[in-house]
Amino acid sequence: MSFLDTKRIIRSGFKNFTRNGVVSLASVLVTTITLCVILSIVFLQVILNFSLTQIKDKVDVTIYMTTTATEDKILAYKSSLEQLPEVASVSYESADEALAKLKDKYSSDYLTIQALDELKDNPLGAALNVKAVDPMQYESIAKFVETSMTDGDGKGLIDKVNYRQNKLVIDRLTSILDGARILGLLVTLILVVISVIITFNTIRLAIFISREEIGIMRLVGAANKQIRGPFIVQGMVCGVISAVVTMIIFYPFTLWMGNHLANFFGMNMFEYYLSNLLQLFLIVLVSGVLLGVISSLLAIRKYLK
């Protein structure tokens, strides 16, 4: 196709878009709604991933030592843990520090504080908090610690390990977030299909209005690409305008989210919107153009037979 033909097709596509004002407006509206849903799903996935990462970062393997364990042996065991390639860091909390934290936690509970003060000896033992290089490596660290409890350096030192309780919570949360992620993708797919159907019908209406013009073009020997081209351009224009409108809508929406729901979600959505503006725009732009082009191709196919 020559440059002149391409220029004519683009010009005809813009003319079709402006000439069929009501139909074009309906197409833009439907596509915008779909793009808003798609972008909302993107933000939802970001929130879910951020929340899961935050929770996993707070997870550790806490090793509670017996009250009879000496500090020298505990520190020696700490050094052996730090030699593991899976371990990022190991922090030591003495029995006195653990008791001080407990008293601070229940500072408003007079009976608990009184009971602790009446005890002659510290009922708490020291503890080691282990952070893994990767959250997936906690399993192997926990197995190493459990093995050392019965046959290793930790024998007689370790009272219990809390990883199994934490692992259960993390696994359940991960399962819930994965389910929400899949549900979001299914909802997006359904809405995209609905949008294609509706946009297809609106563009088909525009093509129906131009059916006599299409018939004349066929009679004079116009090629299919010359007939199809303007309507594809019309669908692309619809997608581009819808993408711009969607980004404009999400500016005040994410601004409100950032100001009011940052503490609830754990991240500022407006800051994420601004820092990833180009990437988000490309997502909605490509999605909008594809919706418009696919709908146009489906609608014009009948008149090319």
Protein backbone atom coordinates (compact mmCIF):
# COMPACT_ATOMS: atom_id res chain seq x y z
CA MET A 1 0.00 0.00 0.00
CA SER A 2 1.36 3.41 -0.98
CA PHE A 3 1.85 6.32 1.40
CA LEU A 4 -1.01 8.16 -0.36
CA ASP A 5 -3.40 5.24 0.23
CA THR A 6 -2.38 5.06 3.88
CA LYS A 7 -2.96 8.79 4.27
CA ARG A 8 -6.42 8.52 2.69
CA ILE A 9 -7.36 5.60 4.96
CA ILE A 10 -6.30 7.49 8.09
CA ARG A 11 -8.18 10.60 6.99
CA SER A 12 -11.30 8.55 6.20
CA GLY A 13 -11.06 6.86 9.61
CA PHE A 14 -11.05 10.20 11.43
CA LYS A 15 -13.95 11.41 9.26
CA ASN A 16 -15.96 8.29 10.13
CA PHE A 17 -15.28 8.85 13.81
CA THR A 18 -16.44 12.49 13.79
CA ARG A 19 -19.34 11.90 11.38
CA ASN A 20 -20.89 9.15 13.53
CA GLY A 21 -20.74 11.25 16.69
CA VAL A 22 -23.30 9.41 18.83
CA VAL A 23 -22.07 5.95 17.85
CA SER A 24 -18.44 6.97 18.39
CA LEU A 25 -19.30 8.43 21.80
CA ALA A 26 -21.01 5.18 22.78
CA SER A 27 -17.96 3.20 21.69
CA VAL A 28 -15.64 5.46 23.69
CA LEU A 29 -17.88 5.17 26.76
CA VAL A 30 -18.01 1.36 26.65
CA THR A 31 -14.28 1.04 26.02
CA THR A 32 -13.50 3.51 28.82
CA ILE A 33 -15.54 1.50 31.30
CA THR A 34 -13.66 -1.66 30.31
CA LEU A 35 -10.28 0.07 30.56
CA CYS A 36 -11.21 1.42 34.01
CA VAL A 37 -11.96 -2.12 35.12
CA ILE A 38 -8.68 -3.40 33.64
CA LEU A 39 -6.70 -0.66 35.40
CA SER A 40 -8.56 -1.32 38.65
CA ILE A 41 -7.53 -4.98 38.41
CA VAL A 42 -3.92 -3.88 37.86
CA PHE A 43 -4.05 -1.76 41.02
CA LEU A 44 -5.69 -4.61 42.94
CA GLN A 45 -2.91 -6.99 41.91
CA VAL A 46 -0.31 -4.44 43.00
CA ILE A 47 -2.00 -4.05 46.40
CA LEU A 48 -2.25 -7.81 46.90
CA ASN A 49 1.39 -8.39 45.97
CA PHE A 50 2.54 -5.50 48.17
CA SER A 51 0.51 -6.77 51.15
CA LEU A 52 1.85 -10.30 50.76
CA THR A 53 5.43 -9.03 50.50
CA GLN A 54 4.99 -6.89 53.61
CA ILE A 55 3.64 -9.81 55.59
CA LYS A 56 6.37 -12.17 54.41
CA ASP A 57 8.99 -9.60 55.36
CA LYS A 58 7.66 -9.62 58.92
CA VAL A 59 7.82 -13.39 59.17
CA ASP A 60 10.81 -14.95 60.85
CA VAL A 61 11.81 -18.10 62.66
CA THR A 62 11.85 -17.40 66.38
CA ILE A 63 13.80 -19.93 68.42
CA TYR A 64 12.88 -19.89 72.11
CA MET A 65 15.66 -21.13 74.39
CA THR A 66 15.24 -22.98 77.67
CA THR A 67 15.59 -20.97 80.88
CA THR A 68 18.65 -23.04 81.80
CA ALA A 69 20.55 -22.27 78.59
CA THR A 70 23.65 -20.15 79.17
CA GLU A 71 24.38 -17.07 77.10
CA ASP A 72 27.70 -18.48 75.85
CA LYS A 73 26.04 -21.59 74.40
CA ILE A 74 23.23 -19.54 72.88
CA LEU A 75 25.69 -17.18 71.17
CA ALA A 76 27.68 -20.16 69.92
CA TYR A 77 24.49 -21.64 68.44
CA LYS A 78 23.72 -18.22 66.93
CA SER A 79 27.08 -18.28 65.17
CA SER A 80 26.35 -21.73 63.73
CA LEU A 81 23.04 -20.46 62.34
CA GLU A 82 24.74 -17.48 60.73
CA GLN A 83 26.93 -19.86 58.75
CA LEU A 84 23.90 -21.21 56.87
CA PRO A 85 23.65 -19.78 53.32
CA GLU A 86 19.87 -19.44 53.69
CA VAL A 87 20.18 -17.15 56.74
CA ALA A 88 20.32 -13.39 56.21
CA SER A 89 20.63 -12.38 59.87
CA VAL A 90 20.17 -13.67 63.42
CA SER A 91 19.30 -11.34 66.29
CA TYR A 92 19.70 -12.25 69.95
CA GLU A 93 17.19 -11.31 72.64
CA SER A 94 18.20 -12.02 76.21
CA ALA A 95 15.83 -13.30 78.86
CA ASP A 96 15.91 -9.92 80.63
CA GLU A 97 15.02 -8.11 77.38
CA ALA A 98 12.15 -10.55 76.77
CA LEU A 99 10.82 -9.93 80.29
CA ALA A 100 11.08 -6.16 79.84
CA LYS A 101 9.10 -6.38 76.56
CA LEU A 102 6.44 -8.49 78.24
CA LYS A 103 6.05 -6.00 81.08
CA ASP A 104 5.84 -3.14 78.61
CA LYS A 105 3.18 -4.99 76.61
CA TYR A 106 1.03 -5.57 79.69
CA SER A 107 1.89 -2.30 81.42
CA SER A 108 -1.81 -1.47 81.83
CA ASP A 109 -2.64 -4.91 83.26
CA TYR A 110 -1.95 -4.55 86.99
CA LEU A 111 -2.56 -8.22 87.86
CA THR A 112 -0.12 -9.49 85.23
CA ILE A 113 2.60 -7.04 86.28
CA GLN A 114 2.06 -7.92 89.94
CA ALA A 115 2.30 -11.65 89.15
CA LEU A 116 5.56 -11.14 87.27
CA ASP A 117 7.04 -9.04 90.08
CA GLU A 118 6.23 -11.71 92.64
CA LEU A 119 8.18 -14.34 90.73
CA LYS A 120 11.68 -14.78 92.06
CA ASP A 121 13.15 -16.01 88.80
CA ASN A 122 12.63 -14.85 85.22
CA PRO A 123 10.13 -17.31 83.68
CA LEU A 124 11.25 -16.45 80.16
CA GLY A 125 14.22 -17.71 78.24
CA ALA A 126 16.33 -16.00 75.62
CA ALA A 127 15.34 -16.10 71.95
CA LEU A 128 16.95 -15.97 68.53
CA ASN A 129 15.11 -14.31 65.64
CA VAL A 130 16.23 -15.68 62.27
CA LYS A 131 15.64 -13.83 58.98
CA ALA A 132 15.99 -15.77 55.74
CA VAL A 133 17.52 -14.49 52.51
CA ASP A 134 14.35 -15.61 50.72
CA PRO A 135 10.96 -16.29 52.40
CA MET A 136 10.85 -19.65 50.62
CA GLN A 137 13.92 -20.76 52.59
CA TYR A 138 12.30 -20.66 56.03
CA GLU A 139 11.24 -24.27 55.61
CA SER A 140 14.82 -25.54 55.34
CA ILE A 141 15.95 -23.32 58.23
CA ALA A 142 13.15 -24.63 60.43
CA LYS A 143 14.08 -28.22 59.57
CA PHE A 144 17.72 -27.53 60.50
CA VAL A 145 16.67 -26.07 63.85
CA GLU A 146 14.26 -28.93 64.60
CA THR A 147 16.96 -31.47 63.79
CA SER A 148 19.46 -29.72 66.06
CA MET A 149 16.91 -29.82 68.91
CA THR A 150 17.19 -33.60 69.10
CA ASP A 151 20.64 -34.31 67.70
CA GLY A 152 22.92 -31.30 67.32
CA ASP A 153 24.20 -28.07 68.86
CA GLY A 154 20.70 -27.08 69.92
CA LYS A 155 20.07 -30.16 72.05
CA GLY A 156 19.12 -29.03 75.54
CA LEU A 157 19.15 -25.36 74.49
CA ILE A 158 15.99 -25.00 72.42
CA ASP A 159 12.55 -25.03 74.00
CA LYS A 160 10.41 -24.52 70.87
CA VAL A 161 10.28 -22.96 67.39
CA ASN A 162 7.33 -20.87 66.22
CA TYR A 163 7.74 -21.31 62.45
CA ARG A 164 4.97 -23.89 61.97
CA GLN A 165 2.30 -21.52 63.31
CA ASN A 166 3.54 -18.68 61.11
CA LYS A 167 3.78 -20.94 58.07
CA LEU A 168 0.12 -21.93 58.42
CA VAL A 169 -0.97 -18.28 58.43
CA ILE A 170 1.25 -17.37 55.47
CA ASP A 171 0.08 -20.36 53.42
CA ARG A 172 -3.57 -19.49 54.04
CA LEU A 173 -3.01 -15.85 53.18
CA THR A 174 -1.12 -16.79 50.03
CA SER A 175 -3.98 -19.08 49.02
CA ILE A 176 -6.52 -16.28 49.55
CA LEU A 177 -4.46 -13.77 47.57
CA ASP A 178 -3.92 -16.26 44.74
CA GLY A 179 -7.68 -16.88 44.61
CA ALA A 180 -8.36 -13.14 44.51
CA ARG A 181 -5.80 -12.76 41.73
CA ILE A 182 -7.41 -15.49 39.63
CA LEU A 183 -10.89 -14.06 40.28
CA GLY A 184 -9.69 -10.64 39.16
CA LEU A 185 -8.31 -12.06 35.92
CA LEU A 186 -11.58 -13.91 35.24
CA VAL A 187 -13.64 -10.76 35.88
CA THR A 188 -11.36 -8.79 33.57
CA LEU A 189 -11.67 -11.43 30.83
CA ILE A 190 -15.46 -11.47 31.09
CA LEU A 191 -15.70 -7.68 30.97
CA VAL A 192 -13.32 -7.51 28.01
CA VAL A 193 -15.49 -10.01 26.10
CA ILE A 194 -18.63 -8.00 26.96
CA SER A 195 -16.90 -4.80 25.88
CA VAL A 196 -15.83 -6.35 22.57
CA ILE A 197 -19.42 -7.46 21.92
CA ILE A 198 -20.88 -4.04 22.73
CA THR A 199 -18.18 -2.14 20.86
CA PHE A 200 -18.62 -4.56 17.96
CA ASN A 201 -22.33 -3.74 17.81
CA THR A 202 -21.77 0.02 17.99
CA ILE A 203 -19.13 -0.06 15.26
CA ARG A 204 -21.32 -2.39 13.20
CA LEU A 205 -24.03 0.27 13.44
CA ALA A 206 -21.57 2.82 12.04
CA ILE A 207 -20.65 0.41 9.25
CA PHE A 208 -24.36 -0.22 8.55
CA ILE A 209 -24.83 3.53 8.11
CA SER A 210 -21.97 3.49 5.59
CA ARG A 211 -23.15 0.34 3.80
CA GLU A 212 -24.01 2.18 0.58
CA GLU A 213 -20.56 3.79 0.53
CA ILE A 214 -18.99 0.35 1.06
CA GLY A 215 -21.10 -1.07 -1.77
CA ILE A 216 -19.94 1.65 -4.15
CA MET A 217 -16.32 1.05 -3.18
CA ARG A 218 -16.77 -2.66 -3.94
CA LEU A 219 -18.31 -1.84 -7.33
CA VAL A 220 -15.38 0.35 -8.36
CA GLY A 221 -12.94 -2.39 -7.42
CA ALA A 222 -11.62 -1.17 -4.05
CA ALA A 223 -9.49 -3.74 -2.23
CA ASN A 224 -10.60 -5.18 1.11
CA LYS A 225 -7.81 -3.38 2.96
CA GLN A 226 -9.00 -0.06 1.54
CA ILE A 227 -12.53 -0.72 2.78
CA ARG A 228 -11.43 -2.19 6.11
CA GLY A 229 -8.75 0.41 6.83
CA PRO A 230 -10.90 3.45 7.79
CA PHE A 231 -12.98 1.41 10.24
CA ILE A 232 -9.83 -0.01 11.85
CA VAL A 233 -8.53 3.54 12.21
CA GLN A 234 -11.88 4.51 13.71
CA GLY A 235 -11.54 1.71 16.29
CA MET A 236 -7.97 2.77 17.07
CA VAL A 237 -9.05 6.38 17.61
CA CYS A 238 -11.76 5.14 19.93
CA GLY A 239 -9.19 3.13 21.91
CA VAL A 240 -6.72 6.03 22.18
CA ILE A 241 -9.37 8.49 23.38
CA SER A 242 -10.68 5.92 25.88
CA ALA A 243 -7.16 5.36 27.23
CA VAL A 244 -6.62 9.09 27.78
CA VAL A 245 -10.02 9.46 29.47
CA THR A 246 -9.27 6.47 31.71
CA MET A 247 -5.97 7.97 32.89
CA ILE A 248 -7.70 11.29 33.57
CA ILE A 249 -10.38 9.52 35.64
CA PHE A 250 -7.79 7.64 37.69
CA TYR A 251 -5.85 10.79 38.61
CA PRO A 252 -8.38 12.10 41.18
CA PHE A 253 -9.34 8.54 42.12
CA THR A 254 -5.81 7.54 43.09
CA LEU A 255 -5.27 10.94 44.72
CA TRP A 256 -8.22 10.24 47.01
CA MET A 257 -7.01 6.69 47.61
CA GLY A 258 -3.54 7.93 48.49
CA ASN A 259 -4.83 10.50 50.98
CA HIS A 260 -7.47 8.40 52.73
CA LEU A 261 -6.57 4.73 52.37
CA ALA A 262 -2.77 4.69 52.48
CA ASN A 263 -2.72 3.36 56.05
CA PHE A 264 -5.25 0.66 55.24
CA PHE A 265 -3.53 -0.63 52.11
CA GLY A 266 0.00 -0.03 53.37
CA MET A 267 1.02 1.88 50.22
CA ASN A 268 0.21 5.22 48.61
CA MET A 269 -1.70 4.49 45.39
CA PHE A 270 -1.28 8.05 44.10
CA GLU A 271 2.51 7.83 44.38
CA TYR A 272 2.40 4.49 42.56
CA TYR A 273 0.19 6.06 39.86
CA LEU A 274 2.62 8.93 39.30
CA SER A 275 5.79 6.81 39.40
CA ASN A 276 4.34 4.27 36.93
CA LEU A 277 2.31 6.70 34.81
CA LEU A 278 3.91 5.76 31.49
CA GLN A 279 3.67 2.03 32.12
CA LEU A 280 0.01 2.26 33.19
CA PHE A 281 -0.82 4.43 30.17
CA LEU A 282 0.80 1.92 27.82
CA ILE A 283 -1.30 -0.87 29.39
CA VAL A 284 -4.61 0.94 28.86
CA LEU A 285 -3.52 2.31 25.46
CA VAL A 286 -2.63 -1.12 24.06
CA SER A 287 -5.77 -2.62 25.60
CA GLY A 288 -7.98 0.14 24.19
CA VAL A 289 -6.49 -0.03 20.69
CA LEU A 290 -6.79 -3.83 20.63
CA LEU A 291 -10.43 -3.63 21.71
CA GLY A 292 -11.20 -1.10 18.98
CA VAL A 293 -9.31 -2.95 16.23
CA ILE A 294 -10.72 -6.38 17.08
CA SER A 295 -14.26 -5.01 17.25
CA SER A 296 -13.84 -3.25 13.89
CA LEU A 297 -12.42 -6.36 12.20
CA LEU A 298 -15.32 -8.47 13.44
CA ALA A 299 -17.90 -5.90 12.41
CA ILE A 300 -16.59 -5.25 8.88
CA ARG A 301 -16.04 -8.91 8.06
CA LYS A 302 -19.69 -9.40 7.05
CA TYR A 303 -19.50 -6.65 4.41
CA LEU A 304 -16.31 -7.97 2.84
CA LYS A 305 -17.83 -11.32 1.85
